[in-house]
Amino acid sequence: MFWLSLLFAIGFALIHYFSGQLIHVRETPRSRFLSLAGGVAVAYVFLHLLPELNDYQQELEGHLESGLFASIENHILVVSMLGLAVFYGLERLATQMKRRGNGSVFWIHMALFIVYNFSIGYVLAESEFDTAWAMTLYFVALGIHFITVDQGLRHHHQESYDRRGRLWLSLAVLAGWSVGAFSALHEVTLSMIVAFLAGGIILNVMKEELPEERDSSFRAFAVGLIGYALLLLAI
């Protein structure tokens, strides 16, 4: 599984670095491929990542038996909610700064997605996938999702993203994989990262699909959602 996870980490990096050259998709009306990719990512989050959080919740409860957080139920879902809120808050901040002509908005976006990609690479290496097939499903779902992320960042930052951003995000995935593969961080740390990541994925899919001006394809989104959901339920 080590070599397969390394191969997939390299695959994630290559998707980020070359997706703009290899895959040309419309933004308005929104490419059906991007809407389908959003459906795949949402299906993976709700049918794989979120159910996995149940196991992590038990792990957290064992370490929060006393203190302020002991009285809070579903700690892991709170972390996931915070992940969505943090990504949303930073996204809104970046949008407002762009409207004011603040040049640092690019680096705010990059910092946000460097953490995002680092987490995806870390989970790829550190999570105990039951089978190679389960790891492959993770790679397919998030690899397709990366194309959506690339498209959004390229729309916001154009040449800056192609010159520097895509390289940083490619390296972030590989760095996350390296930390996960060669260090033994606590299970609680992994649970927090997975929960935070789940919230971030939901936010990033929704912010790309929901705006009316994108003219997204609900049919393609539904095909991706239902098709990938059936695939996950079948295995």
C-alpha atoms as a PDB file:
ATOM      1  CA  MET A   1       0.000   0.000   0.000  1.00  0.00           C
ATOM      2  CA  PHE A   2       2.976   2.313   0.575  1.00  0.00           C
ATOM      3  CA  TRP A   3       3.955   2.348  -3.091  1.00  0.00           C
ATOM      4  CA  LEU A   4       0.372   2.725  -4.255  1.00  0.00           C
ATOM      5  CA  SER A   5      -0.144   5.718  -1.968  1.00  0.00           C
ATOM      6  CA  LEU A   6       3.109   7.256  -3.289  1.00  0.00           C
ATOM      7  CA  LEU A   7       1.900   6.732  -6.860  1.00  0.00           C
ATOM      8  CA  PHE A   8      -1.409   8.419  -6.048  1.00  0.00           C
ATOM      9  CA  ALA A   9       0.358  11.317  -4.278  1.00  0.00           C
ATOM     10  CA  ILE A  10       2.414  11.897  -7.431  1.00  0.00           C
ATOM     11  CA  GLY A  11      -0.803  11.618  -9.434  1.00  0.00           C
ATOM     12  CA  PHE A  12      -2.431  14.341  -7.299  1.00  0.00           C
ATOM     13  CA  ALA A  13       0.584  16.597  -7.857  1.00  0.00           C
ATOM     14  CA  LEU A  14       0.549  16.011 -11.616  1.00  0.00           C
ATOM     15  CA  ILE A  15      -3.182  16.741 -11.820  1.00  0.00           C
ATOM     16  CA  HIS A  16      -2.633  20.107 -10.158  1.00  0.00           C
ATOM     17  CA  TYR A  17       0.342  20.989 -12.262  1.00  0.00           C
ATOM     18  CA  PHE A  18      -0.956  19.946 -15.683  1.00  0.00           C
ATOM     19  CA  SER A  19      -4.771  20.104 -15.494  1.00  0.00           C
ATOM     20  CA  GLY A  20      -4.858  23.548 -17.142  1.00  0.00           C
ATOM     21  CA  GLN A  21      -2.951  22.274 -20.155  1.00  0.00           C
ATOM     22  CA  LEU A  22      -4.634  18.881 -20.468  1.00  0.00           C
ATOM     23  CA  ILE A  23      -8.253  19.649 -19.635  1.00  0.00           C
ATOM     24  CA  HIS A  24     -10.049  22.691 -21.054  1.00  0.00           C
ATOM     25  CA  VAL A  25     -13.424  23.341 -19.460  1.00  0.00           C
ATOM     26  CA  ARG A  26     -15.948  26.156 -19.737  1.00  0.00           C
ATOM     27  CA  GLU A  27     -16.817  28.348 -16.787  1.00  0.00           C
ATOM     28  CA  THR A  28     -20.001  29.935 -18.155  1.00  0.00           C
ATOM     29  CA  PRO A  29     -22.104  28.030 -18.877  1.00  0.00           C
ATOM     30  CA  ARG A  30     -20.343  25.755 -16.468  1.00  0.00           C
ATOM     31  CA  SER A  31     -18.770  22.654 -17.960  1.00  0.00           C
ATOM     32  CA  ARG A  32     -20.813  19.559 -17.251  1.00  0.00           C
ATOM     33  CA  PHE A  33     -17.580  17.823 -16.324  1.00  0.00           C
ATOM     34  CA  LEU A  34     -17.053  20.260 -13.436  1.00  0.00           C
ATOM     35  CA  SER A  35     -20.606  19.746 -12.215  1.00  0.00           C
ATOM     36  CA  LEU A  36     -20.155  15.976 -12.439  1.00  0.00           C
ATOM     37  CA  ALA A  37     -16.881  16.291 -10.501  1.00  0.00           C
ATOM     38  CA  GLY A  38     -18.721  18.202  -7.779  1.00  0.00           C
ATOM     39  CA  GLY A  39     -21.275  15.424  -7.471  1.00  0.00           C
ATOM     40  CA  VAL A  40     -18.531  12.795  -7.170  1.00  0.00           C
ATOM     41  CA  ALA A  41     -16.782  14.752  -4.393  1.00  0.00           C
ATOM     42  CA  VAL A  42     -20.001  15.267  -2.422  1.00  0.00           C
ATOM     43  CA  ALA A  43     -20.899  11.561  -2.700  1.00  0.00           C
ATOM     44  CA  TYR A  44     -17.458  10.608  -1.403  1.00  0.00           C
ATOM     45  CA  VAL A  45     -17.685  12.989   1.555  1.00  0.00           C
ATOM     46  CA  PHE A  46     -21.152  11.898   2.663  1.00  0.00           C
ATOM     47  CA  LEU A  47     -20.787   8.157   2.066  1.00  0.00           C
ATOM     48  CA  HIS A  48     -17.158   7.623   3.028  1.00  0.00           C
ATOM     49  CA  LEU A  49     -15.496  10.463   4.921  1.00  0.00           C
ATOM     50  CA  LEU A  50     -18.395  11.403   7.202  1.00  0.00           C
ATOM     51  CA  PRO A  51     -19.232   7.782   8.189  1.00  0.00           C
ATOM     52  CA  GLU A  52     -15.523   7.304   8.914  1.00  0.00           C
ATOM     53  CA  LEU A  53     -15.797  10.149  11.394  1.00  0.00           C
ATOM     54  CA  ASN A  54     -17.903   7.887  13.627  1.00  0.00           C
ATOM     55  CA  ASP A  55     -14.817   5.806  14.342  1.00  0.00           C
ATOM     56  CA  TYR A  56     -12.764   8.915  14.967  1.00  0.00           C
ATOM     57  CA  GLN A  57     -15.447  10.214  17.337  1.00  0.00           C
ATOM     58  CA  GLN A  58     -14.877   7.221  19.610  1.00  0.00           C
ATOM     59  CA  GLU A  59     -11.152   7.925  19.509  1.00  0.00           C
ATOM     60  CA  LEU A  60     -11.730  11.538  20.524  1.00  0.00           C
ATOM     61  CA  GLU A  61     -14.108  10.606  23.335  1.00  0.00           C
ATOM     62  CA  GLY A  62     -11.382   8.463  24.853  1.00  0.00           C
ATOM     63  CA  HIS A  63      -9.132  11.518  25.093  1.00  0.00           C
ATOM     64  CA  LEU A  64     -11.745  14.058  26.187  1.00  0.00           C
ATOM     65  CA  GLU A  65     -13.188  12.312  29.208  1.00  0.00           C
ATOM     66  CA  SER A  66     -12.822  15.397  31.374  1.00  0.00           C
ATOM     67  CA  GLY A  67     -12.696  19.137  30.979  1.00  0.00           C
ATOM     68  CA  LEU A  68     -14.737  21.625  29.002  1.00  0.00           C
ATOM     69  CA  PHE A  69     -15.093  19.503  25.859  1.00  0.00           C
ATOM     70  CA  ALA A  70     -16.266  16.415  27.731  1.00  0.00           C
ATOM     71  CA  SER A  71     -19.812  17.818  27.848  1.00  0.00           C
ATOM     72  CA  ILE A  72     -19.948  18.369  24.076  1.00  0.00           C
ATOM     73  CA  GLU A  73     -21.427  15.635  21.909  1.00  0.00           C
ATOM     74  CA  ASN A  74     -20.241  14.817  18.408  1.00  0.00           C
ATOM     75  CA  HIS A  75     -16.904  16.582  18.802  1.00  0.00           C
ATOM     76  CA  ILE A  76     -15.731  15.358  15.417  1.00  0.00           C
ATOM     77  CA  LEU A  77     -18.695  16.908  13.614  1.00  0.00           C
ATOM     78  CA  VAL A  78     -17.974  20.190  15.379  1.00  0.00           C
ATOM     79  CA  VAL A  79     -14.463  20.056  13.895  1.00  0.00           C
ATOM     80  CA  SER A  80     -15.931  19.348  10.452  1.00  0.00           C
ATOM     81  CA  MET A  81     -18.299  22.287  10.828  1.00  0.00           C
ATOM     82  CA  LEU A  82     -15.375  24.494  11.834  1.00  0.00           C
ATOM     83  CA  GLY A  83     -13.496  23.323   8.738  1.00  0.00           C
ATOM     84  CA  LEU A  84     -16.375  24.496   6.543  1.00  0.00           C
ATOM     85  CA  ALA A  85     -16.606  27.793   8.447  1.00  0.00           C
ATOM     86  CA  VAL A  86     -12.869  28.505   8.245  1.00  0.00           C
ATOM     87  CA  PHE A  87     -12.715  27.844   4.509  1.00  0.00           C
ATOM     88  CA  TYR A  88     -15.815  29.968   3.962  1.00  0.00           C
ATOM     89  CA  GLY A  89     -14.485  32.830   6.085  1.00  0.00           C
ATOM     90  CA  LEU A  90     -11.117  32.902   4.330  1.00  0.00           C
ATOM     91  CA  GLU A  91     -12.805  32.647   0.940  1.00  0.00           C
ATOM     92  CA  ARG A  92     -14.983  35.661   1.752  1.00  0.00           C
ATOM     93  CA  LEU A  93     -11.941  37.574   2.996  1.00  0.00           C
ATOM     94  CA  ALA A  94     -10.081  36.834  -0.231  1.00  0.00           C
ATOM     95  CA  THR A  95     -13.074  37.969  -2.312  1.00  0.00           C
ATOM     96  CA  GLN A  96     -13.379  41.256  -0.405  1.00  0.00           C
ATOM     97  CA  MET A  97      -9.664  41.945  -0.693  1.00  0.00           C
ATOM     98  CA  LYS A  98      -9.775  41.289  -4.421  1.00  0.00           C
ATOM     99  CA  ARG A  99     -12.546  43.851  -4.831  1.00  0.00           C
ATOM    100  CA  ARG A 100     -10.382  46.401  -3.029  1.00  0.00           C
ATOM    101  CA  GLY A 101      -7.451  45.634  -5.284  1.00  0.00           C
ATOM    102  CA  ASN A 102      -5.331  44.162  -2.503  1.00  0.00           C
ATOM    103  CA  GLY A 103      -2.497  42.189  -4.093  1.00  0.00           C
ATOM    104  CA  SER A 104      -2.068  39.850  -1.126  1.00  0.00           C
ATOM    105  CA  VAL A 105      -5.319  38.037  -1.943  1.00  0.00           C
ATOM    106  CA  PHE A 106      -3.361  35.544  -4.069  1.00  0.00           C
ATOM    107  CA  TRP A 107      -1.240  34.459  -1.117  1.00  0.00           C
ATOM    108  CA  ILE A 108      -4.262  34.160   1.169  1.00  0.00           C
ATOM    109  CA  HIS A 109      -5.833  31.803  -1.344  1.00  0.00           C
ATOM    110  CA  MET A 110      -2.590  29.901  -1.701  1.00  0.00           C
ATOM    111  CA  ALA A 111      -2.138  29.538   2.074  1.00  0.00           C
ATOM    112  CA  LEU A 112      -5.694  28.218   2.345  1.00  0.00           C
ATOM    113  CA  PHE A 113      -5.279  25.607  -0.365  1.00  0.00           C
ATOM    114  CA  ILE A 114      -1.760  24.642   0.669  1.00  0.00           C
ATOM    115  CA  VAL A 115      -3.265  23.531   3.996  1.00  0.00           C
ATOM    116  CA  TYR A 116      -6.118  21.873   2.100  1.00  0.00           C
ATOM    117  CA  ASN A 117      -3.797  19.928  -0.217  1.00  0.00           C
ATOM    118  CA  PHE A 118      -1.382  19.072   2.578  1.00  0.00           C
ATOM    119  CA  SER A 119      -4.310  17.499   4.449  1.00  0.00           C
ATOM    120  CA  ILE A 120      -5.372  15.471   1.412  1.00  0.00           C
ATOM    121  CA  GLY A 121      -1.840  14.149   0.946  1.00  0.00           C
ATOM    122  CA  TYR A 122      -1.504  13.402   4.658  1.00  0.00           C
ATOM    123  CA  VAL A 123      -4.759  11.454   4.784  1.00  0.00           C
ATOM    124  CA  LEU A 124      -3.719   9.477   1.685  1.00  0.00           C
ATOM    125  CA  ALA A 125      -0.592   8.228   3.483  1.00  0.00           C
ATOM    126  CA  GLU A 126      -1.812   7.999   7.061  1.00  0.00           C
ATOM    127  CA  SER A 127      -5.332   6.602   6.726  1.00  0.00           C
ATOM    128  CA  GLU A 128      -5.646   2.847   7.069  1.00  0.00           C
ATOM    129  CA  PHE A 129      -7.480   2.047   3.840  1.00  0.00           C
ATOM    130  CA  ASP A 130      -8.989  -1.429   4.010  1.00  0.00           C
ATOM    131  CA  THR A 131      -8.071  -2.291   0.425  1.00  0.00           C
ATOM    132  CA  ALA A 132      -6.225  -0.874  -2.564  1.00  0.00           C
ATOM    133  CA  TRP A 133      -9.661  -0.356  -4.112  1.00  0.00           C
ATOM    134  CA  ALA A 134     -10.686   1.935  -1.239  1.00  0.00           C
ATOM    135  CA  MET A 135      -7.531   4.008  -1.730  1.00  0.00           C
ATOM    136  CA  THR A 136      -8.234   4.158  -5.460  1.00  0.00           C
ATOM    137  CA  LEU A 137     -11.717   5.531  -4.818  1.00  0.00           C
ATOM    138  CA  TYR A 138     -10.172   8.243  -2.616  1.00  0.00           C
ATOM    139  CA  PHE A 139      -7.752   9.144  -5.398  1.00  0.00           C
ATOM    140  CA  VAL A 140     -10.432   9.216  -8.112  1.00  0.00           C
ATOM    141  CA  ALA A 141     -12.864  11.345  -6.089  1.00  0.00           C
ATOM    142  CA  LEU A 142     -10.330  13.925  -4.960  1.00  0.00           C
ATOM    143  CA  GLY A 143      -8.314  13.852  -8.172  1.00  0.00           C
ATOM    144  CA  ILE A 144     -11.445  14.887 -10.078  1.00  0.00           C
ATOM    145  CA  HIS A 145     -12.168  17.437  -7.346  1.00  0.00           C
ATOM    146  CA  PHE A 146      -8.684  18.928  -7.826  1.00  0.00           C
ATOM    147  CA  ILE A 147      -9.611  19.841 -11.398  1.00  0.00           C
ATOM    148  CA  THR A 148     -12.515  21.894 -10.043  1.00  0.00           C
ATOM    149  CA  VAL A 149     -10.224  23.577  -7.512  1.00  0.00           C
ATOM    150  CA  ASP A 150      -7.686  24.369 -10.237  1.00  0.00           C
ATOM    151  CA  GLN A 151     -10.347  25.875 -12.452  1.00  0.00           C
ATOM    152  CA  GLY A 152     -11.586  28.157  -9.671  1.00  0.00           C
ATOM    153  CA  LEU A 153      -8.099  29.347  -8.711  1.00  0.00           C
ATOM    154  CA  ARG A 154      -7.104  29.900 -12.326  1.00  0.00           C
ATOM    155  CA  HIS A 155     -10.261  31.985 -12.813  1.00  0.00           C
ATOM    156  CA  HIS A 156      -9.367  34.168  -9.801  1.00  0.00           C
ATOM    157  CA  HIS A 157      -5.642  34.573 -10.344  1.00  0.00           C
ATOM    158  CA  GLN A 158      -4.914  33.647 -13.977  1.00  0.00           C
ATOM    159  CA  GLU A 159      -1.169  33.950 -14.731  1.00  0.00           C
ATOM    160  CA  SER A 160      -0.160  34.147 -11.067  1.00  0.00           C
ATOM    161  CA  TYR A 161      -1.690  30.749 -10.454  1.00  0.00           C
ATOM    162  CA  ASP A 162      -0.080  29.184 -13.525  1.00  0.00           C
ATOM    163  CA  ARG A 163       3.340  30.652 -12.711  1.00  0.00           C
ATOM    164  CA  ARG A 164       3.502  29.866  -8.999  1.00  0.00           C
ATOM    165  CA  GLY A 165       0.264  28.650  -7.478  1.00  0.00           C
ATOM    166  CA  ARG A 166      -0.035  25.283  -9.178  1.00  0.00           C
ATOM    167  CA  LEU A 167       3.553  24.418  -8.207  1.00  0.00           C
ATOM    168  CA  TRP A 168       2.960  25.270  -4.545  1.00  0.00           C
ATOM    169  CA  LEU A 169      -0.216  23.182  -4.436  1.00  0.00           C
ATOM    170  CA  SER A 170       1.485  20.236  -6.118  1.00  0.00           C
ATOM    171  CA  LEU A 171       4.313  20.381  -3.580  1.00  0.00           C
ATOM    172  CA  ALA A 172       1.806  20.685  -0.707  1.00  0.00           C
ATOM    173  CA  VAL A 173       0.216  17.329  -1.609  1.00  0.00           C
ATOM    174  CA  LEU A 174       3.609  15.643  -1.719  1.00  0.00           C
ATOM    175  CA  ALA A 175       4.652  17.270   1.574  1.00  0.00           C
ATOM    176  CA  GLY A 176       1.452  16.067   3.252  1.00  0.00           C
ATOM    177  CA  TRP A 177       2.015  12.547   1.948  1.00  0.00           C
ATOM    178  CA  SER A 178       5.638  12.596   3.195  1.00  0.00           C
ATOM    179  CA  VAL A 179       4.605  13.623   6.710  1.00  0.00           C
ATOM    180  CA  GLY A 180       1.901  10.951   6.794  1.00  0.00           C
ATOM    181  CA  ALA A 181       4.180   8.243   5.411  1.00  0.00           C
ATOM    182  CA  PHE A 182       7.270   8.854   7.526  1.00  0.00           C
ATOM    183  CA  SER A 183       5.903  10.037  10.865  1.00  0.00           C
ATOM    184  CA  ALA A 184       3.637   8.474  13.455  1.00  0.00           C
ATOM    185  CA  LEU A 185       1.270  11.243  14.476  1.00  0.00           C
ATOM    186  CA  HIS A 186      -1.434  10.449  17.002  1.00  0.00           C
ATOM    187  CA  GLU A 187      -4.740   8.999  15.831  1.00  0.00           C
ATOM    188  CA  VAL A 188      -6.501  12.043  17.277  1.00  0.00           C
ATOM    189  CA  THR A 189      -4.470  14.257  14.939  1.00  0.00           C
ATOM    190  CA  LEU A 190      -5.594  12.214  11.947  1.00  0.00           C
ATOM    191  CA  SER A 191      -9.215  12.372  13.065  1.00  0.00           C
ATOM    192  CA  MET A 192      -9.089  16.164  13.343  1.00  0.00           C
ATOM    193  CA  ILE A 193      -7.508  16.500   9.900  1.00  0.00           C
ATOM    194  CA  VAL A 194     -10.081  14.225   8.236  1.00  0.00           C
ATOM    195  CA  ALA A 195     -12.972  16.063   9.891  1.00  0.00           C
ATOM    196  CA  PHE A 196     -11.593  19.481   8.963  1.00  0.00           C
ATOM    197  CA  LEU A 197     -10.980  18.296   5.412  1.00  0.00           C
ATOM    198  CA  ALA A 198     -14.535  16.989   5.026  1.00  0.00           C
ATOM    199  CA  GLY A 199     -15.946  20.405   5.901  1.00  0.00           C
ATOM    200  CA  GLY A 200     -13.557  22.063   3.466  1.00  0.00           C
ATOM    201  CA  ILE A 201     -14.484  19.764   0.578  1.00  0.00           C
ATOM    202  CA  ILE A 202     -18.209  20.391   1.087  1.00  0.00           C
ATOM    203  CA  LEU A 203     -17.661  24.158   1.087  1.00  0.00           C
ATOM    204  CA  ASN A 204     -15.415  24.124  -1.969  1.00  0.00           C
ATOM    205  CA  VAL A 205     -17.863  22.058  -4.005  1.00  0.00           C
ATOM    206  CA  MET A 206     -20.866  24.153  -3.011  1.00  0.00           C
ATOM    207  CA  LYS A 207     -19.225  27.509  -3.672  1.00  0.00           C
ATOM    208  CA  GLU A 208     -18.388  26.386  -7.206  1.00  0.00           C
ATOM    209  CA  GLU A 209     -21.797  24.864  -7.958  1.00  0.00           C
ATOM    210  CA  LEU A 210     -24.288  27.220  -6.320  1.00  0.00           C
ATOM    211  CA  PRO A 211     -23.662  30.689  -7.819  1.00  0.00           C
ATOM    212  CA  GLU A 212     -26.424  31.382 -10.337  1.00  0.00           C
ATOM    213  CA  GLU A 213     -24.102  33.084 -12.820  1.00  0.00           C
ATOM    214  CA  ARG A 214     -22.146  29.847 -13.249  1.00  0.00           C
ATOM    215  CA  ASP A 215     -25.159  28.237 -14.958  1.00  0.00           C
ATOM    216  CA  SER A 216     -24.213  24.869 -13.466  1.00  0.00           C
ATOM    217  CA  SER A 217     -25.700  21.615 -14.728  1.00  0.00           C
ATOM    218  CA  PHE A 218     -27.792  19.944 -12.040  1.00  0.00           C
ATOM    219  CA  ARG A 219     -28.188  16.903 -14.277  1.00  0.00           C
ATOM    220  CA  ALA A 220     -24.427  16.384 -14.494  1.00  0.00           C
ATOM    221  CA  PHE A 221     -24.063  17.031 -10.748  1.00  0.00           C
ATOM    222  CA  ALA A 222     -26.772  14.434 -10.043  1.00  0.00           C
ATOM    223  CA  VAL A 223     -25.154  11.890 -12.377  1.00  0.00           C
ATOM    224  CA  GLY A 224     -21.832  12.287 -10.579  1.00  0.00           C
ATOM    225  CA  LEU A 225     -23.480  12.151  -7.165  1.00  0.00           C
ATOM    226  CA  ILE A 226     -25.713   9.142  -7.799  1.00  0.00           C
ATOM    227  CA  GLY A 227     -23.238   7.231  -9.949  1.00  0.00           C
ATOM    228  CA  TYR A 228     -20.388   7.518  -7.469  1.00  0.00           C
ATOM    229  CA  ALA A 229     -22.729   6.865  -4.532  1.00  0.00           C
ATOM    230  CA  LEU A 230     -23.858   3.603  -6.124  1.00  0.00           C
ATOM    231  CA  LEU A 231     -20.236   2.652  -6.727  1.00  0.00           C
ATOM    232  CA  LEU A 232     -19.358   3.283  -3.062  1.00  0.00           C
ATOM    233  CA  LEU A 233     -22.402   1.363  -1.834  1.00  0.00           C
ATOM    234  CA  ALA A 234     -21.617  -1.583  -4.107  1.00  0.00           C
ATOM    235  CA  ILE A 235     -18.172  -2.265  -2.651  1.00  0.00           C
END
